[in-house]
All heavy atoms as atom14 arrays in JSON, in Angstrom:
{
  "sequence": "PFIDLTPAIRELSASEVALFFIAPGARAEGHYTEAGNQWVATQVYAR",
  "atom14_mask": [
    [1, 1, 1, 1, 1, 1, 1, 0, 0, 0, 0, 0, 0, 0],
    [1, 1, 1, 1, 1, 1, 1, 1, 1, 1, 1, 0, 0, 0],
    [1, 1, 1, 1, 1, 1, 1, 1, 0, 0, 0, 0, 0, 0],
    [1, 1, 1, 1, 1, 1, 1, 1, 0, 0, 0, 0, 0, 0],
    [1, 1, 1, 1, 1, 1, 1, 1, 0, 0, 0, 0, 0, 0],
    [1, 1, 1, 1, 1, 1, 1, 0, 0, 0, 0, 0, 0, 0],
    [1, 1, 1, 1, 1, 1, 1, 0, 0, 0, 0, 0, 0, 0],
    [1, 1, 1, 1, 1, 0, 0, 0, 0, 0, 0, 0, 0, 0],
    [1, 1, 1, 1, 1, 1, 1, 1, 0, 0, 0, 0, 0, 0],
    [1, 1, 1, 1, 1, 1, 1, 1, 1, 1, 1, 0, 0, 0],
    [1, 1, 1, 1, 1, 1, 1, 1, 1, 0, 0, 0, 0, 0],
    [1, 1, 1, 1, 1, 1, 1, 1, 0, 0, 0, 0, 0, 0],
    [1, 1, 1, 1, 1, 1, 0, 0, 0, 0, 0, 0, 0, 0],
    [1, 1, 1, 1, 1, 0, 0, 0, 0, 0, 0, 0, 0, 0],
    [1, 1, 1, 1, 1, 1, 0, 0, 0, 0, 0, 0, 0, 0],
    [1, 1, 1, 1, 1, 1, 1, 1, 1, 0, 0, 0, 0, 0],
    [1, 1, 1, 1, 1, 1, 1, 0, 0, 0, 0, 0, 0, 0],
    [1, 1, 1, 1, 1, 0, 0, 0, 0, 0, 0, 0, 0, 0],
    [1, 1, 1, 1, 1, 1, 1, 1, 0, 0, 0, 0, 0, 0],
    [1, 1, 1, 1, 1, 1, 1, 1, 1, 1, 1, 0, 0, 0],
    [1, 1, 1, 1, 1, 1, 1, 1, 1, 1, 1, 0, 0, 0],
    [1, 1, 1, 1, 1, 1, 1, 1, 0, 0, 0, 0, 0, 0],
    [1, 1, 1, 1, 1, 0, 0, 0, 0, 0, 0, 0, 0, 0],
    [1, 1, 1, 1, 1, 1, 1, 0, 0, 0, 0, 0, 0, 0],
    [1, 1, 1, 1, 0, 0, 0, 0, 0, 0, 0, 0, 0, 0],
    [1, 1, 1, 1, 1, 0, 0, 0, 0, 0, 0, 0, 0, 0],
    [1, 1, 1, 1, 1, 1, 1, 1, 1, 1, 1, 0, 0, 0],
    [1, 1, 1, 1, 1, 0, 0, 0, 0, 0, 0, 0, 0, 0],
    [1, 1, 1, 1, 1, 1, 1, 1, 1, 0, 0, 0, 0, 0],
    [1, 1, 1, 1, 0, 0, 0, 0, 0, 0, 0, 0, 0, 0],
    [1, 1, 1, 1, 1, 1, 1, 1, 1, 1, 0, 0, 0, 0],
    [1, 1, 1, 1, 1, 1, 1, 1, 1, 1, 1, 1, 0, 0],
    [1, 1, 1, 1, 1, 1, 1, 0, 0, 0, 0, 0, 0, 0],
    [1, 1, 1, 1, 1, 1, 1, 1, 1, 0, 0, 0, 0, 0],
    [1, 1, 1, 1, 1, 0, 0, 0, 0, 0, 0, 0, 0, 0],
    [1, 1, 1, 1, 0, 0, 0, 0, 0, 0, 0, 0, 0, 0],
    [1, 1, 1, 1, 1, 1, 1, 1, 0, 0, 0, 0, 0, 0],
    [1, 1, 1, 1, 1, 1, 1, 1, 1, 0, 0, 0, 0, 0],
    [1, 1, 1, 1, 1, 1, 1, 1, 1, 1, 1, 1, 1, 1],
    [1, 1, 1, 1, 1, 1, 1, 0, 0, 0, 0, 0, 0, 0],
    [1, 1, 1, 1, 1, 0, 0, 0, 0, 0, 0, 0, 0, 0],
    [1, 1, 1, 1, 1, 1, 1, 0, 0, 0, 0, 0, 0, 0],
    [1, 1, 1, 1, 1, 1, 1, 1, 1, 0, 0, 0, 0, 0],
    [1, 1, 1, 1, 1, 1, 1, 0, 0, 0, 0, 0, 0, 0],
    [1, 1, 1, 1, 1, 1, 1, 1, 1, 1, 1, 1, 0, 0],
    [1, 1, 1, 1, 1, 0, 0, 0, 0, 0, 0, 0, 0, 0],
    [1, 1, 1, 1, 1, 1, 1, 1, 1, 1, 1, 0, 0, 0]
  ],
  "atom14_positions": [
    [[-16.12, -59.34, -96.68], [-17.3, -58.53, -96.99], [-18.02, -58.12, -95.71], [-18.65, -58.95, -95.04], [-18.16, -59.46, -97.85], [-17.72, -60.84, -97.47], [-16.25, -60.74, -97.13], [0.0, 0.0, 0.0], [0.0, 0.0, 0.0], [0.0, 0.0, 0.0], [0.0, 0.0, 0.0], [0.0, 0.0, 0.0], [0.0, 0.0, 0.0], [0.0, 0.0, 0.0]],
    [[-17.93, -56.87, -95.35], [-18.31, -56.42, -94.01], [-19.17, -55.17, -94.06], [-18.88, -54.22, -94.8], [-17.04, -56.15, -93.2], [-17.27, -55.66, -91.8], [-18.08, -56.38, -90.92], [-16.68, -54.49, -91.35], [-18.28, -55.94, -89.62], [-16.87, -54.04, -90.04], [-17.69, -54.77, -89.18], [0.0, 0.0, 0.0], [0.0, 0.0, 0.0], [0.0, 0.0, 0.0]],
    [[-20.21, -55.17, -93.24], [-21.09, -54.01, -93.07], [-21.09, -53.67, -91.59], [-21.46, -54.49, -90.75], [-22.53, -54.31, -93.54], [-22.56, -54.56, -95.05], [-23.47, -53.17, -93.17], [-23.91, -55.01, -95.56], [0.0, 0.0, 0.0], [0.0, 0.0, 0.0], [0.0, 0.0, 0.0], [0.0, 0.0, 0.0], [0.0, 0.0, 0.0], [0.0, 0.0, 0.0]],
    [[-20.68, -52.46, -91.28], [-20.66, -51.97, -89.9], [-21.7, -50.87, -89.77], [-21.57, -49.81, -90.38], [-19.26, -51.45, -89.55], [-19.19, -50.88, -88.13], [-20.11, -51.16, -87.33], [-18.2, -50.18, -87.84], [0.0, 0.0, 0.0], [0.0, 0.0, 0.0], [0.0, 0.0, 0.0], [0.0, 0.0, 0.0], [0.0, 0.0, 0.0], [0.0, 0.0, 0.0]],
    [[-22.73, -51.11, -88.95], [-23.81, -50.13, -88.8], [-23.53, -49.11, -87.69], [-24.33, -48.2, -87.49], [-25.13, -50.85, -88.5], [-25.62, -51.82, -89.58], [-27.0, -52.34, -89.23], [-25.64, -51.16, -90.95], [0.0, 0.0, 0.0], [0.0, 0.0, 0.0], [0.0, 0.0, 0.0], [0.0, 0.0, 0.0], [0.0, 0.0, 0.0], [0.0, 0.0, 0.0]],
    [[-22.43, -49.26, -86.99], [-22.13, -48.36, -85.88], [-21.96, -46.91, -86.31], [-22.55, -46.01, -85.69], [-20.89, -48.85, -85.12], [-21.07, -50.22, -84.74], [-20.66, -48.02, -83.87], [0.0, 0.0, 0.0], [0.0, 0.0, 0.0], [0.0, 0.0, 0.0], [0.0, 0.0, 0.0], [0.0, 0.0, 0.0], [0.0, 0.0, 0.0], [0.0, 0.0, 0.0]],
    [[-21.16, -46.62, -87.34], [-21.01, -45.21, -87.73], [-22.34, -44.56, -88.1], [-22.58, -43.39, -87.78], [-20.07, -45.28, -88.94], [-19.3, -46.54, -88.74], [-20.28, -47.5, -88.14], [0.0, 0.0, 0.0], [0.0, 0.0, 0.0], [0.0, 0.0, 0.0], [0.0, 0.0, 0.0], [0.0, 0.0, 0.0], [0.0, 0.0, 0.0], [0.0, 0.0, 0.0]],
    [[-23.23, -45.29, -88.77], [-24.5, -44.72, -89.2], [-25.4, -44.39, -88.03], [-26.04, -43.33, -88.01], [-25.21, -45.69, -90.15], [0.0, 0.0, 0.0], [0.0, 0.0, 0.0], [0.0, 0.0, 0.0], [0.0, 0.0, 0.0], [0.0, 0.0, 0.0], [0.0, 0.0, 0.0], [0.0, 0.0, 0.0], [0.0, 0.0, 0.0], [0.0, 0.0, 0.0]],
    [[-25.44, -45.26, -87.03], [-26.32, -44.99, -85.9], [-25.77, -43.85, -85.03], [-26.53, -43.12, -84.38], [-26.55, -46.26, -85.05], [-27.83, -46.13, -84.21], [-25.36, -46.59, -84.18], [-28.26, -47.41, -83.53], [0.0, 0.0, 0.0], [0.0, 0.0, 0.0], [0.0, 0.0, 0.0], [0.0, 0.0, 0.0], [0.0, 0.0, 0.0], [0.0, 0.0, 0.0]],
    [[-24.46, -43.68, -85.03], [-23.87, -42.59, -84.27], [-24.15, -41.22, -84.89], [-24.01, -40.2, -84.23], [-22.36, -42.8, -84.14], [-21.98, -43.89, -83.16], [-20.49, -44.1, -83.11], [-20.12, -45.05, -82.06], [-18.89, -45.52, -81.86], [-17.91, -45.12, -82.66], [-18.64, -46.38, -80.9], [0.0, 0.0, 0.0], [0.0, 0.0, 0.0], [0.0, 0.0, 0.0]],
    [[-24.55, -41.21, -86.15], [-24.89, -39.95, -86.81], [-26.27, -39.45, -86.41], [-26.61, -38.29, -86.67], [-24.83, -40.12, -88.33], [-23.42, -40.38, -88.87], [-23.43, -40.58, -90.37], [-24.54, -40.57, -90.96], [-22.35, -40.75, -90.95], [0.0, 0.0, 0.0], [0.0, 0.0, 0.0], [0.0, 0.0, 0.0], [0.0, 0.0, 0.0], [0.0, 0.0, 0.0]],
    [[-27.07, -40.3, -85.8], [-28.44, -39.93, -85.43], [-28.45, -39.2, -84.09], [-27.51, -39.31, -83.29], [-29.31, -41.18, -85.35], [-29.38, -42.03, -86.63], [-30.23, -43.28, -86.39], [-29.93, -41.23, -87.8], [0.0, 0.0, 0.0], [0.0, 0.0, 0.0], [0.0, 0.0, 0.0], [0.0, 0.0, 0.0], [0.0, 0.0, 0.0], [0.0, 0.0, 0.0]],
    [[-29.53, -38.49, -83.84], [-29.67, -37.78, -82.57], [-29.99, -38.77, -81.45], [-30.45, -39.9, -81.7], [-30.8, -36.76, -82.67], [-32.05, -37.4, -82.83], [0.0, 0.0, 0.0], [0.0, 0.0, 0.0], [0.0, 0.0, 0.0], [0.0, 0.0, 0.0], [0.0, 0.0, 0.0], [0.0, 0.0, 0.0], [0.0, 0.0, 0.0], [0.0, 0.0, 0.0]],
    [[-29.76, -38.35, -80.23], [-30.02, -39.21, -79.07], [-31.49, -39.58, -78.99], [-31.85, -40.71, -78.61], [-29.57, -38.51, -77.79], [0.0, 0.0, 0.0], [0.0, 0.0, 0.0], [0.0, 0.0, 0.0], [0.0, 0.0, 0.0], [0.0, 0.0, 0.0], [0.0, 0.0, 0.0], [0.0, 0.0, 0.0], [0.0, 0.0, 0.0], [0.0, 0.0, 0.0]],
    [[-32.37, -38.65, -79.35], [-33.81, -38.93, -79.29], [-34.21, -39.97, -80.33], [-35.09, -40.82, -80.08], [-34.61, -37.64, -79.5], [-34.28, -37.04, -80.76], [0.0, 0.0, 0.0], [0.0, 0.0, 0.0], [0.0, 0.0, 0.0], [0.0, 0.0, 0.0], [0.0, 0.0, 0.0], [0.0, 0.0, 0.0], [0.0, 0.0, 0.0], [0.0, 0.0, 0.0]],
    [[-33.57, -39.94, -81.49], [-33.86, -40.94, -82.52], [-33.38, -42.32, -82.08], [-34.1, -43.31, -82.2], [-33.2, -40.55, -83.83], [-33.81, -39.37, -84.54], [-33.05, -39.01, -85.8], [-31.85, -38.66, -85.69], [-33.65, -39.08, -86.89], [0.0, 0.0, 0.0], [0.0, 0.0, 0.0], [0.0, 0.0, 0.0], [0.0, 0.0, 0.0], [0.0, 0.0, 0.0]],
    [[-32.16, -42.37, -81.57], [-31.58, -43.65, -81.16], [-32.37, -44.26, -80.01], [-32.52, -45.48, -79.93], [-30.11, -43.46, -80.77], [-29.54, -44.74, -80.18], [-29.28, -43.02, -81.97], [0.0, 0.0, 0.0], [0.0, 0.0, 0.0], [0.0, 0.0, 0.0], [0.0, 0.0, 0.0], [0.0, 0.0, 0.0], [0.0, 0.0, 0.0], [0.0, 0.0, 0.0]],
    [[-32.89, -43.43, -79.12], [-33.65, -43.93, -77.97], [-34.86, -44.73, -78.42], [-35.32, -45.65, -77.71], [-34.09, -42.77, -77.08], [0.0, 0.0, 0.0], [0.0, 0.0, 0.0], [0.0, 0.0, 0.0], [0.0, 0.0, 0.0], [0.0, 0.0, 0.0], [0.0, 0.0, 0.0], [0.0, 0.0, 0.0], [0.0, 0.0, 0.0], [0.0, 0.0, 0.0]],
    [[-35.39, -44.44, -79.59], [-36.56, -45.15, -80.1], [-36.19, -46.54, -80.64], [-37.07, -47.35, -80.88], [-37.22, -44.34, -81.22], [-37.76, -42.96, -80.84], [-38.3, -42.25, -82.07], [-38.85, -43.08, -79.78], [0.0, 0.0, 0.0], [0.0, 0.0, 0.0], [0.0, 0.0, 0.0], [0.0, 0.0, 0.0], [0.0, 0.0, 0.0], [0.0, 0.0, 0.0]],
    [[-34.89, -46.79, -80.81], [-34.43, -48.04, -81.41], [-34.21, -49.17, -80.41], [-34.05, -50.32, -80.79], [-33.12, -47.81, -82.18], [-33.28, -46.98, -83.42], [-32.16, -46.54, -84.13], [-34.53, -46.63, -83.9], [-32.3, -45.77, -85.26], [-34.69, -45.86, -85.05], [-33.57, -45.43, -85.72], [0.0, 0.0, 0.0], [0.0, 0.0, 0.0], [0.0, 0.0, 0.0]],
    [[-34.16, -48.83, -79.1], [-33.83, -49.84, -78.1], [-34.94, -49.94, -77.05], [-35.49, -48.92, -76.62], [-32.5, -49.5, -77.42], [-31.32, -49.54, -78.34], [-30.85, -48.39, -78.96], [-30.69, -50.75, -78.6], [-29.76, -48.42, -79.81], [-29.6, -50.8, -79.46], [-29.13, -49.64, -80.07], [0.0, 0.0, 0.0], [0.0, 0.0, 0.0], [0.0, 0.0, 0.0]],
    [[-35.23, -51.16, -76.64], [-36.25, -51.4, -75.61], [-35.75, -50.84, -74.29], [-34.61, -51.06, -73.89], [-36.56, -52.9, -75.5], [-37.14, -53.41, -76.83], [-37.51, -53.19, -74.36], [-37.35, -54.91, -76.88], [0.0, 0.0, 0.0], [0.0, 0.0, 0.0], [0.0, 0.0, 0.0], [0.0, 0.0, 0.0], [0.0, 0.0, 0.0], [0.0, 0.0, 0.0]],
    [[-36.62, -50.12, -73.6], [-36.25, -49.37, -72.4], [-35.84, -50.29, -71.26], [-36.31, -51.43, -71.15], [-37.42, -48.48, -71.96], [0.0, 0.0, 0.0], [0.0, 0.0, 0.0], [0.0, 0.0, 0.0], [0.0, 0.0, 0.0], [0.0, 0.0, 0.0], [0.0, 0.0, 0.0], [0.0, 0.0, 0.0], [0.0, 0.0, 0.0], [0.0, 0.0, 0.0]],
    [[-34.98, -49.81, -70.36], [-34.58, -50.6, -69.19], [-35.79, -50.95, -68.33], [-36.73, -50.15, -68.19], [-33.64, -49.65, -68.43], [-33.13, -48.7, -69.47], [-34.25, -48.53, -70.44], [0.0, 0.0, 0.0], [0.0, 0.0, 0.0], [0.0, 0.0, 0.0], [0.0, 0.0, 0.0], [0.0, 0.0, 0.0], [0.0, 0.0, 0.0], [0.0, 0.0, 0.0]],
    [[-35.77, -52.16, -67.78], [-36.87, -52.62, -66.95], [-37.93, -53.37, -67.7], [-38.7, -54.14, -67.11], [0.0, 0.0, 0.0], [0.0, 0.0, 0.0], [0.0, 0.0, 0.0], [0.0, 0.0, 0.0], [0.0, 0.0, 0.0], [0.0, 0.0, 0.0], [0.0, 0.0, 0.0], [0.0, 0.0, 0.0], [0.0, 0.0, 0.0], [0.0, 0.0, 0.0]],
    [[-38.0, -53.18, -69.01], [-38.98, -53.89, -69.82], [-38.41, -55.24, -70.23], [-37.2, -55.47, -70.18], [-39.34, -53.09, -71.06], [0.0, 0.0, 0.0], [0.0, 0.0, 0.0], [0.0, 0.0, 0.0], [0.0, 0.0, 0.0], [0.0, 0.0, 0.0], [0.0, 0.0, 0.0], [0.0, 0.0, 0.0], [0.0, 0.0, 0.0], [0.0, 0.0, 0.0]],
    [[-39.3, -56.13, -70.62], [-38.84, -57.44, -71.08], [-38.0, -57.27, -72.35], [-38.35, -56.5, -73.23], [-40.04, -58.35, -71.36], [-39.64, -59.77, -71.7], [-40.84, -60.7, -71.76], [-40.42, -62.07, -71.95], [-41.25, -63.09, -72.1], [-42.56, -62.89, -72.07], [-40.79, -64.32, -72.28], [0.0, 0.0, 0.0], [0.0, 0.0, 0.0], [0.0, 0.0, 0.0]],
    [[-36.92, -57.98, -72.43], [-35.98, -57.89, -73.57], [-35.33, -56.52, -73.65], [-34.97, -56.05, -74.73], [-36.69, -58.22, -74.89], [0.0, 0.0, 0.0], [0.0, 0.0, 0.0], [0.0, 0.0, 0.0], [0.0, 0.0, 0.0], [0.0, 0.0, 0.0], [0.0, 0.0, 0.0], [0.0, 0.0, 0.0], [0.0, 0.0, 0.0], [0.0, 0.0, 0.0]],
    [[-35.12, -55.88, -72.51], [-34.52, -54.55, -72.49], [-33.18, -54.54, -73.2], [-32.42, -55.5, -73.16], [-34.34, -54.07, -71.05], [-33.36, -54.89, -70.23], [-33.13, -54.28, -68.84], [-32.31, -53.36, -68.75], [-33.79, -54.73, -67.88], [0.0, 0.0, 0.0], [0.0, 0.0, 0.0], [0.0, 0.0, 0.0], [0.0, 0.0, 0.0], [0.0, 0.0, 0.0]],
    [[-32.9, -53.44, -73.88], [-31.65, -53.29, -74.59], [-31.65, -53.82, -76.0], [-30.75, -53.52, -76.79], [0.0, 0.0, 0.0], [0.0, 0.0, 0.0], [0.0, 0.0, 0.0], [0.0, 0.0, 0.0], [0.0, 0.0, 0.0], [0.0, 0.0, 0.0], [0.0, 0.0, 0.0], [0.0, 0.0, 0.0], [0.0, 0.0, 0.0], [0.0, 0.0, 0.0]],
    [[-32.66, -54.63, -76.35], [-32.75, -55.15, -77.71], [-33.47, -54.14, -78.6], [-34.01, -53.15, -78.12], [-33.47, -56.5, -77.72], [-32.67, -57.62, -77.13], [-32.6, -57.85, -75.78], [-31.88, -58.56, -77.72], [-31.82, -58.9, -75.55], [-31.35, -59.32, -76.71], [0.0, 0.0, 0.0], [0.0, 0.0, 0.0], [0.0, 0.0, 0.0], [0.0, 0.0, 0.0]],
    [[-33.5, -54.43, -79.88], [-34.11, -53.5, -80.82], [-35.64, -53.49, -80.69], [-36.27, -54.54, -80.56], [-33.75, -53.86, -82.25], [-32.29, -53.76, -82.58], [-31.64, -54.73, -83.33], [-31.53, -52.67, -82.15], [-30.29, -54.64, -83.65], [-30.18, -52.56, -82.46], [-29.57, -53.56, -83.2], [-28.24, -53.47, -83.51], [0.0, 0.0, 0.0], [0.0, 0.0, 0.0]],
    [[-36.2, -52.3, -80.73], [-37.64, -52.15, -80.83], [-38.06, -52.42, -82.27], [-37.23, -52.73, -83.14], [-38.06, -50.72, -80.46], [-37.41, -49.81, -81.38], [-37.64, -50.37, -79.04], [0.0, 0.0, 0.0], [0.0, 0.0, 0.0], [0.0, 0.0, 0.0], [0.0, 0.0, 0.0], [0.0, 0.0, 0.0], [0.0, 0.0, 0.0], [0.0, 0.0, 0.0]],
    [[-39.36, -52.28, -82.54], [-39.82, -52.43, -83.92], [-39.14, -51.4, -84.81], [-38.71, -51.7, -85.94], [-41.34, -52.28, -83.98], [-42.08, -53.41, -83.29], [-43.58, -53.23, -83.31], [-44.05, -52.16, -83.78], [-44.31, -54.14, -82.89], [0.0, 0.0, 0.0], [0.0, 0.0, 0.0], [0.0, 0.0, 0.0], [0.0, 0.0, 0.0], [0.0, 0.0, 0.0]],
    [[-39.03, -50.15, -84.31], [-38.36, -49.1, -85.08], [-36.89, -49.42, -85.29], [-36.33, -49.18, -86.37], [-38.51, -47.76, -84.38], [0.0, 0.0, 0.0], [0.0, 0.0, 0.0], [0.0, 0.0, 0.0], [0.0, 0.0, 0.0], [0.0, 0.0, 0.0], [0.0, 0.0, 0.0], [0.0, 0.0, 0.0], [0.0, 0.0, 0.0], [0.0, 0.0, 0.0]],
    [[-36.23, -49.98, -84.25], [-34.83, -50.35, -84.38], [-34.61, -51.45, -85.39], [-33.67, -51.38, -86.21], [0.0, 0.0, 0.0], [0.0, 0.0, 0.0], [0.0, 0.0, 0.0], [0.0, 0.0, 0.0], [0.0, 0.0, 0.0], [0.0, 0.0, 0.0], [0.0, 0.0, 0.0], [0.0, 0.0, 0.0], [0.0, 0.0, 0.0], [0.0, 0.0, 0.0]],
    [[-35.46, -52.47, -85.35], [-35.35, -53.56, -86.33], [-35.59, -53.06, -87.75], [-34.91, -53.47, -88.7], [-36.34, -54.67, -85.98], [-35.81, -55.63, -84.94], [-35.03, -56.53, -85.24], [-36.24, -55.44, -83.7], [0.0, 0.0, 0.0], [0.0, 0.0, 0.0], [0.0, 0.0, 0.0], [0.0, 0.0, 0.0], [0.0, 0.0, 0.0], [0.0, 0.0, 0.0]],
    [[-36.56, -52.17, -87.89], [-36.85, -51.61, -89.21], [-35.65, -50.81, -89.73], [-35.3, -50.9, -90.91], [-38.08, -50.72, -89.13], [-38.51, -50.14, -90.47], [-39.79, -49.32, -90.36], [-40.43, -49.28, -89.32], [-40.15, -48.66, -91.44], [0.0, 0.0, 0.0], [0.0, 0.0, 0.0], [0.0, 0.0, 0.0], [0.0, 0.0, 0.0], [0.0, 0.0, 0.0]],
    [[-35.03, -50.04, -88.85], [-33.85, -49.26, -89.25], [-32.71, -50.18, -89.68], [-32.08, -49.95, -90.72], [-33.4, -48.37, -88.1], [-32.22, -47.51, -88.43], [-32.22, -46.3, -89.05], [-30.84, -47.82, -88.15], [-30.93, -45.82, -89.18], [-30.07, -46.73, -88.64], [-30.2, -48.89, -87.54], [-28.68, -46.7, -88.54], [-28.8, -48.86, -87.44], [-28.07, -47.78, -87.93]],
    [[-32.45, -51.23, -88.91], [-31.38, -52.16, -89.25], [-31.66, -52.82, -90.6], [-30.77, -52.91, -91.46], [-31.21, -53.23, -88.15], [-30.28, -54.35, -88.63], [-30.67, -52.62, -86.87], [0.0, 0.0, 0.0], [0.0, 0.0, 0.0], [0.0, 0.0, 0.0], [0.0, 0.0, 0.0], [0.0, 0.0, 0.0], [0.0, 0.0, 0.0], [0.0, 0.0, 0.0]],
    [[-32.9, -53.28, -90.8], [-33.25, -53.94, -92.06], [-33.04, -53.01, -93.25], [-32.51, -53.4, -94.28], [-34.69, -54.42, -92.0], [0.0, 0.0, 0.0], [0.0, 0.0, 0.0], [0.0, 0.0, 0.0], [0.0, 0.0, 0.0], [0.0, 0.0, 0.0], [0.0, 0.0, 0.0], [0.0, 0.0, 0.0], [0.0, 0.0, 0.0], [0.0, 0.0, 0.0]],
    [[-33.45, -51.76, -93.08], [-33.32, -50.79, -94.17], [-31.86, -50.51, -94.48], [-31.44, -50.41, -95.65], [-34.04, -49.48, -93.81], [-35.39, -49.77, -93.45], [-34.04, -48.52, -94.99], [0.0, 0.0, 0.0], [0.0, 0.0, 0.0], [0.0, 0.0, 0.0], [0.0, 0.0, 0.0], [0.0, 0.0, 0.0], [0.0, 0.0, 0.0], [0.0, 0.0, 0.0]],
    [[-31.06, -50.39, -93.43], [-29.63, -50.15, -93.6], [-28.94, -51.34, -94.27], [-28.13, -51.17, -95.19], [-28.99, -49.87, -92.24], [-29.46, -48.6, -91.55], [-28.93, -47.35, -92.2], [-27.76, -47.3, -92.6], [-29.76, -46.34, -92.32], [0.0, 0.0, 0.0], [0.0, 0.0, 0.0], [0.0, 0.0, 0.0], [0.0, 0.0, 0.0], [0.0, 0.0, 0.0]],
    [[-29.25, -52.54, -93.82], [-28.64, -53.75, -94.39], [-29.03, -53.89, -95.85], [-28.19, -54.18, -96.72], [-29.05, -54.99, -93.59], [-28.65, -56.27, -94.33], [-28.42, -54.97, -92.2], [0.0, 0.0, 0.0], [0.0, 0.0, 0.0], [0.0, 0.0, 0.0], [0.0, 0.0, 0.0], [0.0, 0.0, 0.0], [0.0, 0.0, 0.0], [0.0, 0.0, 0.0]],
    [[-30.3, -53.66, -96.16], [-30.76, -53.78, -97.54], [-30.05, -52.79, -98.45], [-29.64, -53.13, -99.56], [-32.28, -53.56, -97.59], [-32.86, -53.7, -98.99], [-33.07, -54.96, -99.54], [-33.19, -52.58, -99.74], [-33.6, -55.09, -100.82], [-33.71, -52.69, -101.0], [-33.91, -53.95, -101.54], [-34.44, -54.07, -102.81], [0.0, 0.0, 0.0], [0.0, 0.0, 0.0]],
    [[-29.91, -51.55, -97.97], [-29.24, -50.54, -98.78], [-27.8, -50.9, -99.07], [-27.27, -50.62, -100.15], [-29.31, -49.19, -98.08], [0.0, 0.0, 0.0], [0.0, 0.0, 0.0], [0.0, 0.0, 0.0], [0.0, 0.0, 0.0], [0.0, 0.0, 0.0], [0.0, 0.0, 0.0], [0.0, 0.0, 0.0], [0.0, 0.0, 0.0], [0.0, 0.0, 0.0]],
    [[-27.14, -51.54, -98.13], [-25.72, -51.87, -98.29], [-25.51, -53.13, -99.12], [-24.57, -53.19, -99.92], [-25.07, -52.0, -96.92], [-24.85, -50.63, -96.24], [-24.47, -50.83, -94.78], [-23.99, -49.6, -94.17], [-24.77, -48.6, -93.79], [-26.07, -48.68, -93.95], [-24.26, -47.51, -93.25], [0.0, 0.0, 0.0], [0.0, 0.0, 0.0], [0.0, 0.0, 0.0]]
  ]
}
């Protein structure tokens, strides 16, 4: 039983995806922002 979120995030624009990850140089860089976590939760729930 597998859910892969990669295809879904690749369908988004670069500007949308940029909002999902903490910017380089910031603490926890590369991890999900609040918007990124919200997107993941919504995607997981739907699946």
